[in-house]
Amino acid sequence: MSGPSRAAYERSELDWNRLRRYAEKVARETRVPRRTRQVVERSERTRQVRSGLFGLFTRQETYTVDVPRTETDDFWVLQSRSWHKKERGQGNQADEDETALYDYCLTVKGGLVVRVTSETDCFFKGALTFSDRTTSENPMTVDDVTLFDFEAERYYREKGRFTIETDRDPDHKRLKHHAKGVGLSLALKRLHQR
């Protein structure tokens, strides 16, 4: 049995309206719980403290308390892809470790977005000296939607001081579906039927 025809796939058109309506329906009707995580929030509080001779005086004292709470994401992850680069420093240069996680998500309001979490860590002589983490969120583009129609291309290369590993890009030689947008529709269907 042969796979889907690449020519038929290229002739197909992406039906954005149908995908958006289906995404909104899935967001309304799915019973799948969203991901939760524990967050510690630092809170500043004050209290009355007795002081002085025989405790005759009172003063305000400020202290901090760590308050744990649970946060629930306002999205479901349909698919994740990643990119990772390591660079070993030479001499007095620091080692650098960069990671990007691409989450293709359905929001609680039915939006289709890509959340990119980038993290950079620098290590000088084995000790963490710098760390930066950013998260951005953008609406899905046609390229993001068609990514679901192909297998992920796994790439690993180690050359000299650099190592790069990724499954972020589609393998255009391994088509999974016959028309544009079918992969995303099936991902939404899996979320809807769980």
C-alpha atoms as a PDB file:
ATOM      1  CA  MET A   1       0.000   0.000   0.000  1.00  0.00           C
ATOM      2  CA  SER A   2       1.445   3.343  -0.990  1.00  0.00           C
ATOM      3  CA  GLY A   3       1.276   6.495   1.074  1.00  0.00           C
ATOM      4  CA  PRO A   4      -0.617   9.669   0.269  1.00  0.00           C
ATOM      5  CA  SER A   5       0.050  11.339  -3.087  1.00  0.00           C
ATOM      6  CA  ARG A   6       2.299  14.374  -2.805  1.00  0.00           C
ATOM      7  CA  ALA A   7       0.785  15.895  -5.955  1.00  0.00           C
ATOM      8  CA  ALA A   8      -2.755  15.584  -4.545  1.00  0.00           C
ATOM      9  CA  TYR A   9      -1.561  17.075  -1.266  1.00  0.00           C
ATOM     10  CA  GLU A  10      -0.023  20.086  -3.034  1.00  0.00           C
ATOM     11  CA  ARG A  11      -3.252  20.656  -4.998  1.00  0.00           C
ATOM     12  CA  SER A  12      -5.367  20.630  -1.822  1.00  0.00           C
ATOM     13  CA  GLU A  13      -6.331  23.877  -0.086  1.00  0.00           C
ATOM     14  CA  LEU A  14      -6.233  24.572   3.631  1.00  0.00           C
ATOM     15  CA  ASP A  15      -9.754  25.341   4.906  1.00  0.00           C
ATOM     16  CA  TRP A  16      -9.023  27.819   7.726  1.00  0.00           C
ATOM     17  CA  ASN A  17     -12.690  28.463   8.514  1.00  0.00           C
ATOM     18  CA  ARG A  18     -13.465  24.765   8.986  1.00  0.00           C
ATOM     19  CA  LEU A  19     -10.367  24.290  11.157  1.00  0.00           C
ATOM     20  CA  ARG A  20     -11.189  27.301  13.336  1.00  0.00           C
ATOM     21  CA  ARG A  21     -14.823  26.211  13.821  1.00  0.00           C
ATOM     22  CA  TYR A  22     -13.712  22.690  14.722  1.00  0.00           C
ATOM     23  CA  ALA A  23     -11.063  24.046  17.147  1.00  0.00           C
ATOM     24  CA  GLU A  24     -13.713  26.172  18.895  1.00  0.00           C
ATOM     25  CA  LYS A  25     -16.044  23.156  19.142  1.00  0.00           C
ATOM     26  CA  VAL A  26     -13.281  20.967  20.611  1.00  0.00           C
ATOM     27  CA  ALA A  27     -12.335  23.653  23.161  1.00  0.00           C
ATOM     28  CA  ARG A  28     -15.990  23.901  24.281  1.00  0.00           C
ATOM     29  CA  GLU A  29     -16.706  20.170  24.438  1.00  0.00           C
ATOM     30  CA  THR A  30     -13.498  18.394  25.459  1.00  0.00           C
ATOM     31  CA  ARG A  31     -13.379  16.757  28.877  1.00  0.00           C
ATOM     32  CA  VAL A  32      -9.581  16.496  28.962  1.00  0.00           C
ATOM     33  CA  PRO A  33      -8.160  18.398  31.948  1.00  0.00           C
ATOM     34  CA  ARG A  34      -5.589  21.061  31.218  1.00  0.00           C
ATOM     35  CA  ARG A  35      -2.050  20.757  32.560  1.00  0.00           C
ATOM     36  CA  THR A  36      -1.405  22.050  36.087  1.00  0.00           C
ATOM     37  CA  ARG A  37       1.792  22.992  37.880  1.00  0.00           C
ATOM     38  CA  GLN A  38       2.855  24.046  41.350  1.00  0.00           C
ATOM     39  CA  VAL A  39       3.980  27.656  41.677  1.00  0.00           C
ATOM     40  CA  VAL A  40       5.524  29.277  44.744  1.00  0.00           C
ATOM     41  CA  GLU A  41       4.628  32.911  45.197  1.00  0.00           C
ATOM     42  CA  ARG A  42       6.596  35.053  47.601  1.00  0.00           C
ATOM     43  CA  SER A  43       4.323  37.223  49.733  1.00  0.00           C
ATOM     44  CA  GLU A  44       5.322  40.061  52.045  1.00  0.00           C
ATOM     45  CA  ARG A  45       3.455  40.351  55.336  1.00  0.00           C
ATOM     46  CA  THR A  46       3.656  42.465  58.487  1.00  0.00           C
ATOM     47  CA  ARG A  47       3.118  41.652  62.128  1.00  0.00           C
ATOM     48  CA  GLN A  48       3.103  43.482  65.450  1.00  0.00           C
ATOM     49  CA  VAL A  49       6.128  42.706  67.600  1.00  0.00           C
ATOM     50  CA  ARG A  50       6.498  43.751  71.222  1.00  0.00           C
ATOM     51  CA  SER A  51       9.806  45.372  72.048  1.00  0.00           C
ATOM     52  CA  GLY A  52      11.495  47.530  74.591  1.00  0.00           C
ATOM     53  CA  LEU A  53      11.739  47.158  78.336  1.00  0.00           C
ATOM     54  CA  PHE A  54       9.095  44.716  79.598  1.00  0.00           C
ATOM     55  CA  GLY A  55       7.550  44.598  76.086  1.00  0.00           C
ATOM     56  CA  LEU A  56       5.813  47.927  76.541  1.00  0.00           C
ATOM     57  CA  PHE A  57       6.301  49.070  72.954  1.00  0.00           C
ATOM     58  CA  THR A  58       5.108  47.547  69.691  1.00  0.00           C
ATOM     59  CA  ARG A  59       6.585  47.906  66.246  1.00  0.00           C
ATOM     60  CA  GLN A  60       5.720  46.665  62.772  1.00  0.00           C
ATOM     61  CA  GLU A  61       7.964  43.933  61.404  1.00  0.00           C
ATOM     62  CA  THR A  62       7.915  42.874  57.742  1.00  0.00           C
ATOM     63  CA  TYR A  63       8.640  39.282  56.727  1.00  0.00           C
ATOM     64  CA  THR A  64       8.228  37.145  53.618  1.00  0.00           C
ATOM     65  CA  VAL A  65       6.314  33.904  53.220  1.00  0.00           C
ATOM     66  CA  ASP A  66       6.397  31.419  50.338  1.00  0.00           C
ATOM     67  CA  VAL A  67       2.804  30.591  49.400  1.00  0.00           C
ATOM     68  CA  PRO A  68       2.387  27.494  47.182  1.00  0.00           C
ATOM     69  CA  ARG A  69      -0.498  27.443  44.734  1.00  0.00           C
ATOM     70  CA  THR A  70      -1.593  25.446  41.707  1.00  0.00           C
ATOM     71  CA  GLU A  71      -1.852  27.103  38.292  1.00  0.00           C
ATOM     72  CA  THR A  72      -3.834  25.632  35.428  1.00  0.00           C
ATOM     73  CA  ASP A  73      -2.759  26.282  31.845  1.00  0.00           C
ATOM     74  CA  ASP A  74      -5.277  28.038  29.608  1.00  0.00           C
ATOM     75  CA  PHE A  75      -4.469  25.700  26.698  1.00  0.00           C
ATOM     76  CA  TRP A  76      -4.050  22.066  25.657  1.00  0.00           C
ATOM     77  CA  VAL A  77      -0.853  20.968  23.897  1.00  0.00           C
ATOM     78  CA  LEU A  78      -1.615  19.207  20.607  1.00  0.00           C
ATOM     79  CA  GLN A  79       2.008  18.566  19.630  1.00  0.00           C
ATOM     80  CA  SER A  80       5.490  19.526  20.812  1.00  0.00           C
ATOM     81  CA  ARG A  81       8.710  19.930  18.874  1.00  0.00           C
ATOM     82  CA  SER A  82      12.144  21.008  20.106  1.00  0.00           C
ATOM     83  CA  TRP A  83      15.511  22.477  19.164  1.00  0.00           C
ATOM     84  CA  HIS A  84      18.666  22.189  21.286  1.00  0.00           C
ATOM     85  CA  LYS A  85      22.188  23.560  20.797  1.00  0.00           C
ATOM     86  CA  LYS A  86      25.219  23.109  23.036  1.00  0.00           C
ATOM     87  CA  GLU A  87      28.443  24.999  22.605  1.00  0.00           C
ATOM     88  CA  ARG A  88      31.486  24.054  24.653  1.00  0.00           C
ATOM     89  CA  GLY A  89      33.619  27.092  25.410  1.00  0.00           C
ATOM     90  CA  GLN A  90      37.329  27.264  24.662  1.00  0.00           C
ATOM     91  CA  GLY A  91      39.786  28.462  27.272  1.00  0.00           C
ATOM     92  CA  ASN A  92      38.028  31.054  29.429  1.00  0.00           C
ATOM     93  CA  GLN A  93      34.821  31.018  27.377  1.00  0.00           C
ATOM     94  CA  ALA A  94      31.665  29.788  29.091  1.00  0.00           C
ATOM     95  CA  ASP A  95      29.727  26.747  27.894  1.00  0.00           C
ATOM     96  CA  GLU A  96      26.370  27.725  26.420  1.00  0.00           C
ATOM     97  CA  ASP A  97      23.221  25.619  26.324  1.00  0.00           C
ATOM     98  CA  GLU A  98      20.236  26.875  24.262  1.00  0.00           C
ATOM     99  CA  THR A  99      16.861  25.135  24.108  1.00  0.00           C
ATOM    100  CA  ALA A 100      13.609  26.029  22.365  1.00  0.00           C
ATOM    101  CA  LEU A 101      10.374  24.099  22.940  1.00  0.00           C
ATOM    102  CA  TYR A 102       7.609  24.623  20.378  1.00  0.00           C
ATOM    103  CA  ASP A 103       4.141  23.734  21.726  1.00  0.00           C
ATOM    104  CA  TYR A 104       1.314  23.759  19.191  1.00  0.00           C
ATOM    105  CA  CYS A 105      -1.744  24.494  21.322  1.00  0.00           C
ATOM    106  CA  LEU A 106      -5.494  24.874  21.438  1.00  0.00           C
ATOM    107  CA  THR A 107      -6.558  27.671  23.791  1.00  0.00           C
ATOM    108  CA  VAL A 108      -9.645  27.476  26.022  1.00  0.00           C
ATOM    109  CA  LYS A 109     -11.356  29.959  23.672  1.00  0.00           C
ATOM    110  CA  GLY A 110     -10.662  27.781  20.617  1.00  0.00           C
ATOM    111  CA  GLY A 111      -7.627  29.632  19.272  1.00  0.00           C
ATOM    112  CA  LEU A 112      -4.765  27.801  17.579  1.00  0.00           C
ATOM    113  CA  VAL A 113      -1.426  29.139  18.813  1.00  0.00           C
ATOM    114  CA  VAL A 114       2.269  28.276  18.913  1.00  0.00           C
ATOM    115  CA  ARG A 115       3.947  28.789  22.290  1.00  0.00           C
ATOM    116  CA  VAL A 116       7.730  29.007  22.081  1.00  0.00           C
ATOM    117  CA  THR A 117       9.687  28.660  25.311  1.00  0.00           C
ATOM    118  CA  SER A 118      13.356  29.579  24.857  1.00  0.00           C
ATOM    119  CA  GLU A 119      15.937  28.961  27.517  1.00  0.00           C
ATOM    120  CA  THR A 120      19.609  29.911  27.528  1.00  0.00           C
ATOM    121  CA  ASP A 121      22.022  28.778  30.228  1.00  0.00           C
ATOM    122  CA  CYS A 122      25.701  29.742  30.448  1.00  0.00           C
ATOM    123  CA  PHE A 123      28.089  27.714  32.577  1.00  0.00           C
ATOM    124  CA  PHE A 124      31.518  29.001  33.498  1.00  0.00           C
ATOM    125  CA  LYS A 125      33.796  26.224  34.725  1.00  0.00           C
ATOM    126  CA  GLY A 126      30.769  24.017  35.446  1.00  0.00           C
ATOM    127  CA  ALA A 127      28.814  26.550  37.538  1.00  0.00           C
ATOM    128  CA  LEU A 128      25.640  28.209  36.232  1.00  0.00           C
ATOM    129  CA  THR A 129      26.446  31.894  35.772  1.00  0.00           C
ATOM    130  CA  PHE A 130      23.592  33.125  33.580  1.00  0.00           C
ATOM    131  CA  SER A 131      20.102  31.860  32.816  1.00  0.00           C
ATOM    132  CA  ASP A 132      17.386  33.417  30.669  1.00  0.00           C
ATOM    133  CA  ARG A 133      13.918  32.043  29.925  1.00  0.00           C
ATOM    134  CA  THR A 134      11.320  33.631  27.638  1.00  0.00           C
ATOM    135  CA  THR A 135       7.930  32.477  26.411  1.00  0.00           C
ATOM    136  CA  SER A 136       6.125  33.890  23.405  1.00  0.00           C
ATOM    137  CA  GLU A 137       2.765  33.042  21.882  1.00  0.00           C
ATOM    138  CA  ASN A 138       1.730  33.578  18.251  1.00  0.00           C
ATOM    139  CA  PRO A 139      -1.244  32.453  16.138  1.00  0.00           C
ATOM    140  CA  MET A 140      -0.623  29.363  13.999  1.00  0.00           C
ATOM    141  CA  THR A 141       0.387  30.034  10.413  1.00  0.00           C
ATOM    142  CA  VAL A 142      -0.147  27.853   7.341  1.00  0.00           C
ATOM    143  CA  ASP A 143       3.357  26.411   7.850  1.00  0.00           C
ATOM    144  CA  ASP A 144       2.493  25.502  11.458  1.00  0.00           C
ATOM    145  CA  VAL A 145      -0.714  23.746  10.378  1.00  0.00           C
ATOM    146  CA  THR A 146       0.970  21.782   7.578  1.00  0.00           C
ATOM    147  CA  LEU A 147       3.659  20.659  10.040  1.00  0.00           C
ATOM    148  CA  PHE A 148       1.062  18.193  11.404  1.00  0.00           C
ATOM    149  CA  ASP A 149       0.795  16.583   7.943  1.00  0.00           C
ATOM    150  CA  PHE A 150       4.414  15.353   7.922  1.00  0.00           C
ATOM    151  CA  GLU A 151       6.577  13.174  10.142  1.00  0.00           C
ATOM    152  CA  ALA A 152       9.082  15.124  12.228  1.00  0.00           C
ATOM    153  CA  GLU A 153      12.593  15.167  10.796  1.00  0.00           C
ATOM    154  CA  ARG A 154      15.025  14.126  13.479  1.00  0.00           C
ATOM    155  CA  TYR A 155      18.391  15.828  13.135  1.00  0.00           C
ATOM    156  CA  TYR A 156      21.528  15.409  15.236  1.00  0.00           C
ATOM    157  CA  ARG A 157      24.946  16.811  14.468  1.00  0.00           C
ATOM    158  CA  GLU A 158      28.053  17.069  16.566  1.00  0.00           C
ATOM    159  CA  LYS A 159      30.924  19.014  15.062  1.00  0.00           C
ATOM    160  CA  GLY A 160      33.815  20.374  17.055  1.00  0.00           C
ATOM    161  CA  ARG A 161      32.494  22.378  19.995  1.00  0.00           C
ATOM    162  CA  PHE A 162      28.879  22.410  18.737  1.00  0.00           C
ATOM    163  CA  THR A 163      26.072  19.915  19.146  1.00  0.00           C
ATOM    164  CA  ILE A 164      22.658  20.506  17.562  1.00  0.00           C
ATOM    165  CA  GLU A 165      19.643  18.259  18.012  1.00  0.00           C
ATOM    166  CA  THR A 166      16.126  18.961  16.737  1.00  0.00           C
ATOM    167  CA  ASP A 167      12.814  17.515  15.622  1.00  0.00           C
ATOM    168  CA  ARG A 168      11.346  20.970  14.912  1.00  0.00           C
ATOM    169  CA  ASP A 169      11.185  20.753  11.131  1.00  0.00           C
ATOM    170  CA  PRO A 170       8.927  18.548   8.988  1.00  0.00           C
ATOM    171  CA  ASP A 171      10.397  15.743   6.885  1.00  0.00           C
ATOM    172  CA  HIS A 172       8.941  16.669   3.486  1.00  0.00           C
ATOM    173  CA  LYS A 173       9.756  13.190   2.185  1.00  0.00           C
ATOM    174  CA  ARG A 174       7.415  11.504   4.705  1.00  0.00           C
ATOM    175  CA  LEU A 175       3.892  12.790   4.100  1.00  0.00           C
ATOM    176  CA  LYS A 176       1.301  11.360   6.518  1.00  0.00           C
ATOM    177  CA  HIS A 177      -1.993  12.774   5.181  1.00  0.00           C
ATOM    178  CA  HIS A 178      -3.669  13.301   1.807  1.00  0.00           C
ATOM    179  CA  ALA A 179      -4.708  16.971   2.231  1.00  0.00           C
ATOM    180  CA  LYS A 180      -3.509  20.120   3.999  1.00  0.00           C
ATOM    181  CA  GLY A 181      -4.820  20.475   7.548  1.00  0.00           C
ATOM    182  CA  VAL A 182      -5.824  16.830   8.035  1.00  0.00           C
ATOM    183  CA  GLY A 183      -3.030  16.247  10.585  1.00  0.00           C
ATOM    184  CA  LEU A 184      -4.229  19.138  12.747  1.00  0.00           C
ATOM    185  CA  SER A 185      -7.861  18.009  12.410  1.00  0.00           C
ATOM    186  CA  LEU A 186      -6.865  14.546  13.636  1.00  0.00           C
ATOM    187  CA  ALA A 187      -4.922  16.018  16.570  1.00  0.00           C
ATOM    188  CA  LEU A 188      -8.023  18.027  17.524  1.00  0.00           C
ATOM    189  CA  LYS A 189     -10.175  14.898  17.111  1.00  0.00           C
ATOM    190  CA  ARG A 190      -7.902  12.927  19.485  1.00  0.00           C
ATOM    191  CA  LEU A 191      -8.278  15.687  22.084  1.00  0.00           C
ATOM    192  CA  HIS A 192     -12.064  15.788  21.555  1.00  0.00           C
ATOM    193  CA  GLN A 193     -12.546  12.025  21.915  1.00  0.00           C
ATOM    194  CA  ARG A 194     -10.346  11.405  24.957  1.00  0.00           C
END
